[in-house]
Amino acid sequence: MELEAYLRPPESPMAPYPAKVVTLATGSKMVVRQVDRSDVPILLEAIRPTLKIERDFYDIVGVRLYAELLGWYRYRVKDEFCLIGQIDGLLVGIVNSRMYSLELGISLHTLAIERGLRIGAHLFASKMEHHIEYLEQEEVLITAESPIGFRRWMIEYALEKREGQHELGGATPFALTRDLYFRNKDRLVAGERPVPLELMEIAEREIIIASEDDIMEKIMGAKRREIL
């Protein structure tokens, strides 16, 4: 245990994310809430099927998110947080991020399991809400690994280019500043607080994971047969 103390990064105080409920286009109520390290094993079960899906770069997003959450679970990542979206307890999306410093946030990944309802966009916006409003950071560095991600984040938020490199490597980093966030908030950040007690109780009671077949069907649809 003495050596383990050297292997674990120091942890900074982090304000909690207050849960909210987002009404989707179908009328379904998605609870967005923060999860703890203890929830990571069940989240990994939901991510694992995506490693087989090349469509829209789900495989690379999935494998990186898996590693990041496992690193957080094993105390090998500094100041990470994770938000999830649930509909009637069913997990429909995951986002994670971390604090690089008190002023700078690092957006990591966004994974939507249920497609076509802007779940990924809502969860990404919630992640930015946490960085800017509750962690009170000055800006968040963001990169994209898919064309969908580039359109959703860089273009929709009119993010500012930055020199250097995001810690995920790859494409040019962009930044969401406090000014950009509040300029876009009314248009892109949805949700109401507090979450009705009944909805919150269902969400906290259990994180329900769809079967591997259902997850692949939700993501791939008719194209699923191409990888079977």
C-alpha atoms as a PDB file:
ATOM      1  CA  MET A   1       0.000   0.000   0.000  1.00  0.00           C
ATOM      2  CA  GLU A   2       2.920   2.344   0.546  1.00  0.00           C
ATOM      3  CA  LEU A   3       3.889   2.102  -3.144  1.00  0.00           C
ATOM      4  CA  GLU A   4       0.246   2.408  -4.194  1.00  0.00           C
ATOM      5  CA  ALA A   5       0.143   5.853  -2.597  1.00  0.00           C
ATOM      6  CA  TYR A   6       2.793   6.987  -5.103  1.00  0.00           C
ATOM      7  CA  LEU A   7       0.907   5.486  -8.048  1.00  0.00           C
ATOM      8  CA  ARG A   8      -2.358   7.264  -7.289  1.00  0.00           C
ATOM      9  CA  PRO A   9      -2.664  10.876  -8.505  1.00  0.00           C
ATOM     10  CA  PRO A  10      -3.738  13.516  -5.994  1.00  0.00           C
ATOM     11  CA  GLU A  11      -7.430  14.379  -6.058  1.00  0.00           C
ATOM     12  CA  SER A  12      -8.716  17.940  -6.186  1.00  0.00           C
ATOM     13  CA  PRO A  13     -11.979  18.987  -4.514  1.00  0.00           C
ATOM     14  CA  MET A  14     -14.707  18.870  -7.159  1.00  0.00           C
ATOM     15  CA  ALA A  15     -18.221  20.257  -6.862  1.00  0.00           C
ATOM     16  CA  PRO A  16     -20.927  17.645  -7.553  1.00  0.00           C
ATOM     17  CA  TYR A  17     -23.109  17.836 -10.639  1.00  0.00           C
ATOM     18  CA  PRO A  18     -26.779  18.357  -9.712  1.00  0.00           C
ATOM     19  CA  ALA A  19     -28.978  15.868 -11.541  1.00  0.00           C
ATOM     20  CA  LYS A  20     -31.512  17.132 -14.082  1.00  0.00           C
ATOM     21  CA  VAL A  21     -34.168  15.726 -16.390  1.00  0.00           C
ATOM     22  CA  VAL A  22     -34.208  16.349 -20.149  1.00  0.00           C
ATOM     23  CA  THR A  23     -37.403  15.829 -22.143  1.00  0.00           C
ATOM     24  CA  LEU A  24     -36.461  14.187 -25.453  1.00  0.00           C
ATOM     25  CA  ALA A  25     -38.211  14.613 -28.806  1.00  0.00           C
ATOM     26  CA  THR A  26     -40.227  11.430 -28.135  1.00  0.00           C
ATOM     27  CA  GLY A  27     -41.489  12.815 -24.836  1.00  0.00           C
ATOM     28  CA  SER A  28     -39.283  10.394 -22.871  1.00  0.00           C
ATOM     29  CA  LYS A  29     -37.658  11.770 -19.727  1.00  0.00           C
ATOM     30  CA  MET A  30     -33.892  11.290 -19.563  1.00  0.00           C
ATOM     31  CA  VAL A  31     -32.295  11.698 -16.152  1.00  0.00           C
ATOM     32  CA  VAL A  32     -28.748  13.076 -16.397  1.00  0.00           C
ATOM     33  CA  ARG A  33     -26.697  12.440 -13.285  1.00  0.00           C
ATOM     34  CA  GLN A  34     -23.174  11.980 -12.014  1.00  0.00           C
ATOM     35  CA  VAL A  35     -21.948   8.508 -11.104  1.00  0.00           C
ATOM     36  CA  ASP A  36     -19.258   7.264  -8.734  1.00  0.00           C
ATOM     37  CA  ARG A  37     -16.273   4.996  -9.199  1.00  0.00           C
ATOM     38  CA  SER A  38     -18.331   2.145  -7.794  1.00  0.00           C
ATOM     39  CA  ASP A  39     -20.604   2.331 -10.864  1.00  0.00           C
ATOM     40  CA  VAL A  40     -17.775   1.828 -13.369  1.00  0.00           C
ATOM     41  CA  PRO A  41     -17.984  -2.007 -13.697  1.00  0.00           C
ATOM     42  CA  ILE A  42     -21.594  -1.859 -14.883  1.00  0.00           C
ATOM     43  CA  LEU A  43     -20.771   0.973 -17.319  1.00  0.00           C
ATOM     44  CA  LEU A  44     -17.972  -1.128 -18.806  1.00  0.00           C
ATOM     45  CA  GLU A  45     -20.524  -3.838 -19.580  1.00  0.00           C
ATOM     46  CA  ALA A  46     -22.469  -1.353 -21.693  1.00  0.00           C
ATOM     47  CA  ILE A  47     -19.369  -0.068 -23.496  1.00  0.00           C
ATOM     48  CA  ARG A  48     -17.919  -3.478 -24.401  1.00  0.00           C
ATOM     49  CA  PRO A  49     -20.265  -4.219 -27.364  1.00  0.00           C
ATOM     50  CA  THR A  50     -19.296  -0.935 -29.037  1.00  0.00           C
ATOM     51  CA  LEU A  51     -15.732  -2.147 -29.520  1.00  0.00           C
ATOM     52  CA  LYS A  52     -16.995  -4.207 -32.469  1.00  0.00           C
ATOM     53  CA  ILE A  53     -18.685  -1.285 -34.227  1.00  0.00           C
ATOM     54  CA  GLU A  54     -16.634   0.616 -36.799  1.00  0.00           C
ATOM     55  CA  ARG A  55     -19.565   2.767 -37.896  1.00  0.00           C
ATOM     56  CA  ASP A  56     -19.069   6.433 -36.923  1.00  0.00           C
ATOM     57  CA  PHE A  57     -15.882   5.449 -35.044  1.00  0.00           C
ATOM     58  CA  TYR A  58     -17.799   3.854 -32.183  1.00  0.00           C
ATOM     59  CA  ASP A  59     -14.949   1.343 -31.785  1.00  0.00           C
ATOM     60  CA  ILE A  60     -12.235   3.900 -31.013  1.00  0.00           C
ATOM     61  CA  VAL A  61     -14.536   6.034 -28.860  1.00  0.00           C
ATOM     62  CA  GLY A  62     -15.665   2.911 -27.012  1.00  0.00           C
ATOM     63  CA  VAL A  63     -12.214   1.501 -26.367  1.00  0.00           C
ATOM     64  CA  ARG A  64     -10.856   4.845 -25.182  1.00  0.00           C
ATOM     65  CA  LEU A  65     -13.837   5.485 -22.931  1.00  0.00           C
ATOM     66  CA  TYR A  66     -13.465   1.956 -21.532  1.00  0.00           C
ATOM     67  CA  ALA A  67      -9.792   2.606 -20.727  1.00  0.00           C
ATOM     68  CA  GLU A  68     -10.493   6.037 -19.220  1.00  0.00           C
ATOM     69  CA  LEU A  69     -13.215   4.757 -16.931  1.00  0.00           C
ATOM     70  CA  LEU A  70     -11.110   1.761 -15.931  1.00  0.00           C
ATOM     71  CA  GLY A  71      -8.215   4.124 -15.206  1.00  0.00           C
ATOM     72  CA  TRP A  72     -10.520   6.207 -13.008  1.00  0.00           C
ATOM     73  CA  TYR A  73     -11.798   3.067 -11.260  1.00  0.00           C
ATOM     74  CA  ARG A  74      -8.216   1.943 -10.564  1.00  0.00           C
ATOM     75  CA  TYR A  75      -7.135   5.408  -9.391  1.00  0.00           C
ATOM     76  CA  ARG A  76      -4.851   6.048 -12.356  1.00  0.00           C
ATOM     77  CA  VAL A  77      -6.534   9.171 -13.773  1.00  0.00           C
ATOM     78  CA  LYS A  78      -6.512  12.567 -12.103  1.00  0.00           C
ATOM     79  CA  ASP A  79      -9.762  14.392 -11.380  1.00  0.00           C
ATOM     80  CA  GLU A  80     -12.079  12.541 -13.763  1.00  0.00           C
ATOM     81  CA  PHE A  81     -15.869  12.681 -13.653  1.00  0.00           C
ATOM     82  CA  CYS A  82     -18.593  10.788 -15.482  1.00  0.00           C
ATOM     83  CA  LEU A  83     -22.221  11.648 -16.246  1.00  0.00           C
ATOM     84  CA  ILE A  84     -24.817   9.231 -17.564  1.00  0.00           C
ATOM     85  CA  GLY A  85     -28.232   9.465 -19.180  1.00  0.00           C
ATOM     86  CA  GLN A  86     -31.007   7.061 -18.157  1.00  0.00           C
ATOM     87  CA  ILE A  87     -34.569   6.562 -19.361  1.00  0.00           C
ATOM     88  CA  ASP A  88     -36.624   4.583 -16.837  1.00  0.00           C
ATOM     89  CA  GLY A  89     -33.326   3.371 -15.389  1.00  0.00           C
ATOM     90  CA  LEU A  90     -31.987   2.180 -18.762  1.00  0.00           C
ATOM     91  CA  LEU A  91     -28.543   3.536 -19.636  1.00  0.00           C
ATOM     92  CA  VAL A  92     -28.697   5.444 -22.929  1.00  0.00           C
ATOM     93  CA  GLY A  93     -25.456   7.435 -22.896  1.00  0.00           C
ATOM     94  CA  ILE A  94     -22.188   8.167 -21.094  1.00  0.00           C
ATOM     95  CA  VAL A  95     -19.858  11.169 -21.078  1.00  0.00           C
ATOM     96  CA  ASN A  96     -16.606  11.662 -19.215  1.00  0.00           C
ATOM     97  CA  SER A  97     -14.180  14.498 -18.670  1.00  0.00           C
ATOM     98  CA  ARG A  98     -11.563  15.653 -16.227  1.00  0.00           C
ATOM     99  CA  MET A  99     -10.032  18.709 -14.649  1.00  0.00           C
ATOM    100  CA  TYR A 100      -6.511  19.355 -15.924  1.00  0.00           C
ATOM    101  CA  SER A 101      -6.260  22.259 -13.494  1.00  0.00           C
ATOM    102  CA  LEU A 102      -8.669  24.439 -11.575  1.00  0.00           C
ATOM    103  CA  GLU A 103      -9.016  26.660 -14.661  1.00  0.00           C
ATOM    104  CA  LEU A 104      -8.799  24.151 -17.541  1.00  0.00           C
ATOM    105  CA  GLY A 105     -11.054  21.197 -18.298  1.00  0.00           C
ATOM    106  CA  ILE A 106     -10.326  18.329 -20.688  1.00  0.00           C
ATOM    107  CA  SER A 107     -13.323  16.856 -22.496  1.00  0.00           C
ATOM    108  CA  LEU A 108     -12.734  13.155 -23.088  1.00  0.00           C
ATOM    109  CA  HIS A 109     -15.565  11.164 -24.679  1.00  0.00           C
ATOM    110  CA  THR A 110     -19.270  11.094 -25.466  1.00  0.00           C
ATOM    111  CA  LEU A 111     -21.034   7.803 -26.181  1.00  0.00           C
ATOM    112  CA  ALA A 112     -24.715   7.604 -27.139  1.00  0.00           C
ATOM    113  CA  ILE A 113     -26.202   4.123 -26.967  1.00  0.00           C
ATOM    114  CA  GLU A 114     -29.665   5.224 -28.080  1.00  0.00           C
ATOM    115  CA  ARG A 115     -29.350   7.095 -31.383  1.00  0.00           C
ATOM    116  CA  GLY A 116     -31.565   9.600 -33.164  1.00  0.00           C
ATOM    117  CA  LEU A 117     -32.712  11.542 -30.098  1.00  0.00           C
ATOM    118  CA  ARG A 118     -29.707  13.902 -29.680  1.00  0.00           C
ATOM    119  CA  ILE A 119     -28.796  12.059 -26.492  1.00  0.00           C
ATOM    120  CA  GLY A 120     -25.082  12.535 -27.182  1.00  0.00           C
ATOM    121  CA  ALA A 121     -25.622  16.261 -27.772  1.00  0.00           C
ATOM    122  CA  HIS A 122     -27.611  16.644 -24.549  1.00  0.00           C
ATOM    123  CA  LEU A 123     -25.007  14.762 -22.525  1.00  0.00           C
ATOM    124  CA  PHE A 124     -22.117  16.701 -24.049  1.00  0.00           C
ATOM    125  CA  ALA A 125     -23.902  19.949 -23.189  1.00  0.00           C
ATOM    126  CA  SER A 126     -24.406  18.688 -19.642  1.00  0.00           C
ATOM    127  CA  LYS A 127     -20.699  17.927 -19.398  1.00  0.00           C
ATOM    128  CA  MET A 128     -19.882  21.475 -20.508  1.00  0.00           C
ATOM    129  CA  GLU A 129     -22.431  22.779 -18.009  1.00  0.00           C
ATOM    130  CA  HIS A 130     -20.577  20.957 -15.233  1.00  0.00           C
ATOM    131  CA  HIS A 131     -17.169  22.294 -16.292  1.00  0.00           C
ATOM    132  CA  ILE A 132     -18.266  25.916 -16.631  1.00  0.00           C
ATOM    133  CA  GLU A 133     -21.072  26.392 -14.108  1.00  0.00           C
ATOM    134  CA  TYR A 134     -20.328  23.990 -11.268  1.00  0.00           C
ATOM    135  CA  LEU A 135     -16.561  23.442 -11.465  1.00  0.00           C
ATOM    136  CA  GLU A 136     -16.279  27.119 -12.483  1.00  0.00           C
ATOM    137  CA  GLN A 137     -13.538  26.516 -15.039  1.00  0.00           C
ATOM    138  CA  GLU A 138     -12.381  29.113 -17.551  1.00  0.00           C
ATOM    139  CA  GLU A 139     -12.363  26.873 -20.621  1.00  0.00           C
ATOM    140  CA  VAL A 140     -12.575  23.281 -21.811  1.00  0.00           C
ATOM    141  CA  LEU A 141     -10.289  21.715 -24.438  1.00  0.00           C
ATOM    142  CA  ILE A 142     -12.135  19.515 -26.926  1.00  0.00           C
ATOM    143  CA  THR A 143     -11.163  17.364 -29.891  1.00  0.00           C
ATOM    144  CA  ALA A 144     -13.211  15.119 -32.207  1.00  0.00           C
ATOM    145  CA  GLU A 145     -12.683  11.599 -33.508  1.00  0.00           C
ATOM    146  CA  SER A 146     -15.595  11.480 -35.949  1.00  0.00           C
ATOM    147  CA  PRO A 147     -17.331  13.787 -38.437  1.00  0.00           C
ATOM    148  CA  ILE A 148     -20.446  13.686 -36.252  1.00  0.00           C
ATOM    149  CA  GLY A 149     -18.422  14.859 -33.258  1.00  0.00           C
ATOM    150  CA  PHE A 150     -16.858  17.680 -35.264  1.00  0.00           C
ATOM    151  CA  ARG A 151     -20.254  18.918 -36.419  1.00  0.00           C
ATOM    152  CA  ARG A 152     -21.845  18.573 -32.990  1.00  0.00           C
ATOM    153  CA  TRP A 153     -19.094  20.253 -30.979  1.00  0.00           C
ATOM    154  CA  MET A 154     -16.808  22.420 -33.117  1.00  0.00           C
ATOM    155  CA  ILE A 155     -19.439  23.757 -35.500  1.00  0.00           C
ATOM    156  CA  GLU A 156     -22.555  23.940 -33.281  1.00  0.00           C
ATOM    157  CA  TYR A 157     -20.664  25.720 -30.493  1.00  0.00           C
ATOM    158  CA  ALA A 158     -18.406  27.776 -32.831  1.00  0.00           C
ATOM    159  CA  LEU A 159     -15.418  26.651 -30.753  1.00  0.00           C
ATOM    160  CA  GLU A 160     -12.114  28.508 -30.832  1.00  0.00           C
ATOM    161  CA  LYS A 161      -9.020  26.832 -32.312  1.00  0.00           C
ATOM    162  CA  ARG A 162      -6.070  26.361 -30.014  1.00  0.00           C
ATOM    163  CA  GLU A 163      -2.388  25.753 -30.673  1.00  0.00           C
ATOM    164  CA  GLY A 164      -0.727  22.575 -29.454  1.00  0.00           C
ATOM    165  CA  GLN A 165      -2.379  19.235 -28.900  1.00  0.00           C
ATOM    166  CA  HIS A 166      -5.258  17.767 -26.937  1.00  0.00           C
ATOM    167  CA  GLU A 167      -4.127  14.990 -24.603  1.00  0.00           C
ATOM    168  CA  LEU A 168      -6.025  12.494 -26.789  1.00  0.00           C
ATOM    169  CA  GLY A 169      -3.689  13.424 -29.639  1.00  0.00           C
ATOM    170  CA  GLY A 170      -4.903  13.549 -33.200  1.00  0.00           C
ATOM    171  CA  ALA A 171      -6.832  16.524 -34.537  1.00  0.00           C
ATOM    172  CA  THR A 172      -6.469  20.197 -33.709  1.00  0.00           C
ATOM    173  CA  PRO A 173      -7.759  21.088 -30.236  1.00  0.00           C
ATOM    174  CA  PHE A 174     -10.600  23.546 -29.830  1.00  0.00           C
ATOM    175  CA  ALA A 175     -11.772  25.405 -26.747  1.00  0.00           C
ATOM    176  CA  LEU A 176     -15.114  26.206 -25.202  1.00  0.00           C
ATOM    177  CA  THR A 177     -14.637  29.414 -23.224  1.00  0.00           C
ATOM    178  CA  ARG A 178     -17.001  30.754 -20.584  1.00  0.00           C
ATOM    179  CA  ASP A 179     -18.172  33.404 -23.023  1.00  0.00           C
ATOM    180  CA  LEU A 180     -18.931  30.837 -25.749  1.00  0.00           C
ATOM    181  CA  TYR A 181     -20.729  28.596 -23.274  1.00  0.00           C
ATOM    182  CA  PHE A 182     -23.082  31.284 -22.018  1.00  0.00           C
ATOM    183  CA  ARG A 183     -23.626  32.547 -25.560  1.00  0.00           C
ATOM    184  CA  ASN A 184     -24.806  29.049 -26.577  1.00  0.00           C
ATOM    185  CA  LYS A 185     -26.438  27.933 -23.332  1.00  0.00           C
ATOM    186  CA  ASP A 186     -30.051  28.836 -24.099  1.00  0.00           C
ATOM    187  CA  ARG A 187     -29.845  27.130 -27.489  1.00  0.00           C
ATOM    188  CA  LEU A 188     -27.972  23.952 -26.579  1.00  0.00           C
ATOM    189  CA  VAL A 189     -28.210  23.230 -22.844  1.00  0.00           C
ATOM    190  CA  ALA A 190     -31.520  21.639 -21.890  1.00  0.00           C
ATOM    191  CA  GLY A 191     -32.994  20.179 -18.738  1.00  0.00           C
ATOM    192  CA  GLU A 192     -34.931  20.982 -15.595  1.00  0.00           C
ATOM    193  CA  ARG A 193     -34.121  20.759 -11.906  1.00  0.00           C
ATOM    194  CA  PRO A 194     -34.955  19.290  -9.514  1.00  0.00           C
ATOM    195  CA  VAL A 195     -35.586  15.839 -10.925  1.00  0.00           C
ATOM    196  CA  PRO A 196     -38.998  14.577  -9.775  1.00  0.00           C
ATOM    197  CA  LEU A 197     -38.510  12.217  -6.839  1.00  0.00           C
ATOM    198  CA  GLU A 198     -40.032   9.193  -8.601  1.00  0.00           C
ATOM    199  CA  LEU A 199     -37.745   9.582 -11.642  1.00  0.00           C
ATOM    200  CA  MET A 200     -34.673  10.026  -9.448  1.00  0.00           C
ATOM    201  CA  GLU A 201     -35.499   6.963  -7.370  1.00  0.00           C
ATOM    202  CA  ILE A 202     -35.799   4.832 -10.523  1.00  0.00           C
ATOM    203  CA  ALA A 203     -32.481   6.145 -11.883  1.00  0.00           C
ATOM    204  CA  GLU A 204     -30.575   5.594  -8.646  1.00  0.00           C
ATOM    205  CA  ARG A 205     -32.110   2.212  -7.879  1.00  0.00           C
ATOM    206  CA  GLU A 206     -30.290   0.470 -10.743  1.00  0.00           C
ATOM    207  CA  ILE A 207     -28.339   1.263 -13.889  1.00  0.00           C
ATOM    208  CA  ILE A 208     -30.055  -1.063 -16.335  1.00  0.00           C
ATOM    209  CA  ILE A 209     -27.898  -2.235 -19.233  1.00  0.00           C
ATOM    210  CA  ALA A 210     -29.472  -3.446 -22.470  1.00  0.00           C
ATOM    211  CA  SER A 211     -28.309  -6.774 -23.848  1.00  0.00           C
ATOM    212  CA  GLU A 212     -25.370  -6.814 -26.251  1.00  0.00           C
ATOM    213  CA  ASP A 213     -27.767  -7.565 -29.125  1.00  0.00           C
ATOM    214  CA  ASP A 214     -30.005  -4.664 -28.171  1.00  0.00           C
ATOM    215  CA  ILE A 215     -27.060  -2.260 -27.839  1.00  0.00           C
ATOM    216  CA  MET A 216     -25.784  -3.192 -31.281  1.00  0.00           C
ATOM    217  CA  GLU A 217     -29.286  -2.886 -32.716  1.00  0.00           C
ATOM    218  CA  LYS A 218     -29.760   0.563 -31.177  1.00  0.00           C
ATOM    219  CA  ILE A 219     -26.475   1.781 -32.662  1.00  0.00           C
ATOM    220  CA  MET A 220     -26.324  -0.097 -35.957  1.00  0.00           C
ATOM    221  CA  GLY A 221     -29.968  -0.639 -36.872  1.00  0.00           C
ATOM    222  CA  ALA A 222     -30.304  -2.290 -40.270  1.00  0.00           C
ATOM    223  CA  LYS A 223     -26.526  -2.125 -40.794  1.00  0.00           C
ATOM    224  CA  ARG A 224     -25.923  -4.500 -37.906  1.00  0.00           C
ATOM    225  CA  ARG A 225     -25.876  -7.542 -40.177  1.00  0.00           C
ATOM    226  CA  GLU A 226     -22.729  -6.198 -41.844  1.00  0.00           C
ATOM    227  CA  ILE A 227     -20.604  -7.145 -38.830  1.00  0.00           C
ATOM    228  CA  LEU A 228     -22.388 -10.353 -37.830  1.00  0.00           C
END
